[in-house]
Amino acid sequence: MDNNTPNNIISDNSSQQPKKTVYYSPSKIGVFVGIISFFLVSFLAYGGVCCLTIFLSVGIGSVAGWATARYSNVGIWSHASEYGSISGRIAGIFVFFGHLVGSILPSLLFRIGAILGLFSSIDMALVGAMNYSLFTQGLINGTIGFVLSWASASFVARKVYENDNKQK
């Protein structure tokens, strides 16, 4: 505003500074989405019986790709795909470890309960077999979830960038 205009009258917008846009790196976006997905996936993968987490990995990657295309400084089409891939890989790492934690947790709780004497008639060989089976299932589902999160983030970031630039 000029010094000549009163405070209650707004002058033209040419003297105001433009709004500063804040950009986030794809790695920060991936970590943010990944931390939320770790808890969500480990809760849903409890015992390794839920394949819903594999489909959830696609959604997690899509959210990471969308946020990357919207909130990072994407200059060209190939950068959108590359940045989406970075955020999807980071979120996919959290998905992978969420699968492992969620699938191993029941057998660890049985083991801890047996050590503390809470379960008197539990067969430790059965708990060992359960641990091996659930760990293998967590590895397989975690790997699939990682790849799906990575691919969907790259694809969604590219498509969001294309749609945003078509509208301009």
Protein backbone atom coordinates (compact mmCIF):
# COMPACT_ATOMS: atom_id res chain seq x y z
CA MET A 1 0.00 0.00 0.00
CA ASP A 2 1.02 3.58 -0.54
CA ASN A 3 1.71 5.81 2.38
CA ASN A 4 -1.00 8.17 1.04
CA THR A 5 -3.90 5.69 1.25
CA PRO A 6 -5.74 5.07 4.50
CA ASN A 7 -5.43 1.65 6.14
CA ASN A 8 -9.06 0.68 5.56
CA ILE A 9 -8.90 1.20 1.77
CA ILE A 10 -7.23 -1.50 -0.26
CA SER A 11 -5.09 -0.33 -3.12
CA ASP A 12 -4.42 -2.26 -6.30
CA ASN A 13 -2.80 -5.70 -6.04
CA SER A 14 0.33 -4.72 -7.94
CA SER A 15 2.11 -3.62 -4.77
CA GLN A 16 1.39 -6.89 -2.92
CA GLN A 17 3.94 -9.66 -3.09
CA PRO A 18 2.86 -12.85 -4.81
CA LYS A 19 1.95 -15.82 -2.67
CA LYS A 20 4.99 -18.04 -2.18
CA THR A 21 4.48 -21.64 -3.25
CA VAL A 22 5.99 -24.26 -0.97
CA TYR A 23 7.41 -27.34 -2.67
CA TYR A 24 8.29 -30.58 -0.92
CA SER A 25 10.86 -33.11 -2.04
CA PRO A 26 9.56 -36.50 -3.23
CA SER A 27 11.46 -38.19 -0.42
CA LYS A 28 9.63 -36.15 2.25
CA ILE A 29 6.30 -36.96 0.63
CA GLY A 30 7.25 -40.65 0.48
CA VAL A 31 8.24 -40.69 4.15
CA PHE A 32 5.03 -38.94 5.22
CA VAL A 33 2.81 -41.31 3.24
CA GLY A 34 5.00 -44.25 4.24
CA ILE A 35 4.73 -43.70 7.99
CA ILE A 36 0.96 -43.63 7.79
CA SER A 37 0.96 -46.70 5.53
CA PHE A 38 3.28 -48.64 7.86
CA PHE A 39 0.76 -48.54 10.69
CA LEU A 40 -2.20 -49.15 8.41
CA VAL A 41 -0.60 -52.11 6.63
CA SER A 42 0.80 -53.69 9.79
CA PHE A 43 -2.65 -53.49 11.38
CA LEU A 44 -4.37 -55.06 8.36
CA ALA A 45 -1.65 -57.67 7.76
CA TYR A 46 -1.86 -59.00 11.33
CA GLY A 47 -1.32 -62.71 10.98
CA GLY A 48 -0.63 -62.50 7.25
CA VAL A 49 -4.13 -63.55 6.29
CA CYS A 50 -5.35 -60.36 4.67
CA CYS A 51 -4.61 -59.84 0.99
CA LEU A 52 -6.41 -56.51 1.18
CA THR A 53 -3.04 -54.97 2.00
CA ILE A 54 -1.80 -55.73 -1.51
CA PHE A 55 -4.65 -53.66 -2.94
CA LEU A 56 -4.00 -51.06 -0.26
CA SER A 57 -0.43 -50.78 -1.59
CA VAL A 58 -1.81 -49.55 -4.91
CA GLY A 59 -3.80 -46.89 -3.05
CA ILE A 60 -0.78 -45.88 -0.99
CA GLY A 61 1.34 -45.52 -4.12
CA SER A 62 -1.43 -43.53 -5.78
CA VAL A 63 -1.59 -41.11 -2.85
CA ALA A 64 2.20 -40.73 -2.92
CA GLY A 65 2.16 -40.10 -6.69
CA TRP A 66 -0.70 -37.62 -6.47
CA ALA A 67 0.98 -35.70 -3.65
CA THR A 68 4.27 -35.68 -5.53
CA ALA A 69 2.69 -34.30 -8.69
CA ARG A 70 0.85 -31.63 -6.72
CA TYR A 71 3.37 -30.57 -4.10
CA SER A 72 6.84 -31.06 -5.59
CA ASN A 73 8.50 -28.89 -8.21
CA VAL A 74 7.82 -31.01 -11.29
CA GLY A 75 9.08 -29.31 -14.41
CA ILE A 76 8.46 -31.76 -17.24
CA TRP A 77 6.55 -34.96 -17.90
CA SER A 78 9.47 -37.34 -17.35
CA HIS A 79 10.32 -35.66 -14.05
CA ALA A 80 6.78 -36.29 -12.83
CA SER A 81 7.19 -40.00 -13.43
CA GLU A 82 10.66 -40.04 -11.89
CA TYR A 83 9.64 -38.07 -8.78
CA GLY A 84 6.54 -40.22 -8.38
CA SER A 85 8.76 -43.27 -8.58
CA ILE A 86 10.99 -41.92 -5.81
CA SER A 87 8.11 -41.22 -3.45
CA GLY A 88 6.49 -44.55 -4.31
CA ARG A 89 9.67 -46.48 -3.56
CA ILE A 90 10.06 -44.79 -0.18
CA ALA A 91 6.41 -45.42 0.70
CA GLY A 92 6.84 -48.98 -0.61
CA ILE A 93 9.69 -49.61 1.83
CA PHE A 94 7.35 -48.71 4.68
CA VAL A 95 4.68 -50.98 3.15
CA PHE A 96 7.21 -53.84 2.99
CA PHE A 97 8.18 -53.51 6.65
CA GLY A 98 4.53 -53.07 7.61
CA HIS A 99 3.81 -56.45 6.01
CA LEU A 100 6.68 -58.06 7.89
CA VAL A 101 5.73 -56.61 11.26
CA GLY A 102 2.06 -57.37 10.83
CA SER A 103 2.62 -60.95 9.77
CA ILE A 104 5.22 -61.84 12.42
CA LEU A 105 3.49 -60.17 15.37
CA PRO A 106 1.08 -63.04 16.28
CA SER A 107 3.84 -65.63 16.57
CA LEU A 108 5.96 -63.23 18.60
CA LEU A 109 3.06 -62.64 20.97
CA PHE A 110 2.66 -66.42 21.41
CA ARG A 111 6.37 -66.75 22.12
CA ILE A 112 6.37 -63.92 24.66
CA GLY A 113 3.24 -65.34 26.31
CA ALA A 114 4.87 -68.76 26.60
CA ILE A 115 8.01 -67.26 28.13
CA LEU A 116 5.95 -65.32 30.66
CA GLY A 117 3.91 -68.42 31.50
CA LEU A 118 0.62 -67.14 30.18
CA PHE A 119 0.15 -70.18 27.92
CA SER A 120 0.78 -73.45 29.72
CA SER A 121 0.05 -75.91 26.93
CA ILE A 122 1.54 -74.26 23.85
CA ASP A 123 3.77 -76.26 21.56
CA MET A 124 6.87 -74.21 20.73
CA ALA A 125 7.50 -76.27 17.58
CA LEU A 126 4.11 -75.19 16.31
CA VAL A 127 4.91 -71.57 17.12
CA GLY A 128 8.23 -71.92 15.24
CA ALA A 129 6.45 -73.31 12.18
CA MET A 130 3.88 -70.54 12.42
CA ASN A 131 6.66 -67.97 12.62
CA TYR A 132 8.38 -69.37 9.52
CA SER A 133 5.14 -69.55 7.55
CA LEU A 134 4.02 -66.05 8.47
CA PHE A 135 7.47 -64.58 7.83
CA THR A 136 7.51 -66.10 4.34
CA GLN A 137 4.04 -64.80 3.63
CA GLY A 138 5.03 -61.34 4.91
CA LEU A 139 8.08 -61.33 2.62
CA ILE A 140 6.02 -62.26 -0.43
CA ASN A 141 3.15 -59.85 0.27
CA GLY A 142 5.61 -57.10 1.24
CA THR A 143 7.57 -57.49 -1.98
CA ILE A 144 4.41 -57.41 -4.07
CA GLY A 145 3.19 -54.38 -2.12
CA PHE A 146 6.51 -52.59 -2.64
CA VAL A 147 6.43 -53.10 -6.41
CA LEU A 148 2.78 -52.08 -6.69
CA SER A 149 3.32 -48.96 -4.61
CA TRP A 150 6.32 -47.99 -6.72
CA ALA A 151 4.56 -48.53 -10.05
CA SER A 152 1.29 -46.86 -9.09
CA ALA A 153 3.04 -43.77 -7.70
CA SER A 154 4.97 -43.31 -10.92
CA PHE A 155 1.88 -43.79 -13.07
CA VAL A 156 -0.39 -41.51 -11.02
CA ALA A 157 2.20 -38.72 -10.80
CA ARG A 158 2.58 -38.74 -14.58
CA LYS A 159 -1.18 -38.74 -15.19
CA VAL A 160 -1.86 -35.96 -12.67
CA TYR A 161 0.88 -33.84 -14.26
CA GLU A 162 -0.59 -34.45 -17.74
CA ASN A 163 -4.10 -33.50 -16.60
CA ASP A 164 -2.89 -30.37 -14.83
CA ASN A 165 -1.02 -29.17 -17.90
CA LYS A 166 -3.94 -29.90 -20.26
CA GLN A 167 -6.16 -27.59 -18.23
CA LYS A 168 -3.75 -24.65 -18.43
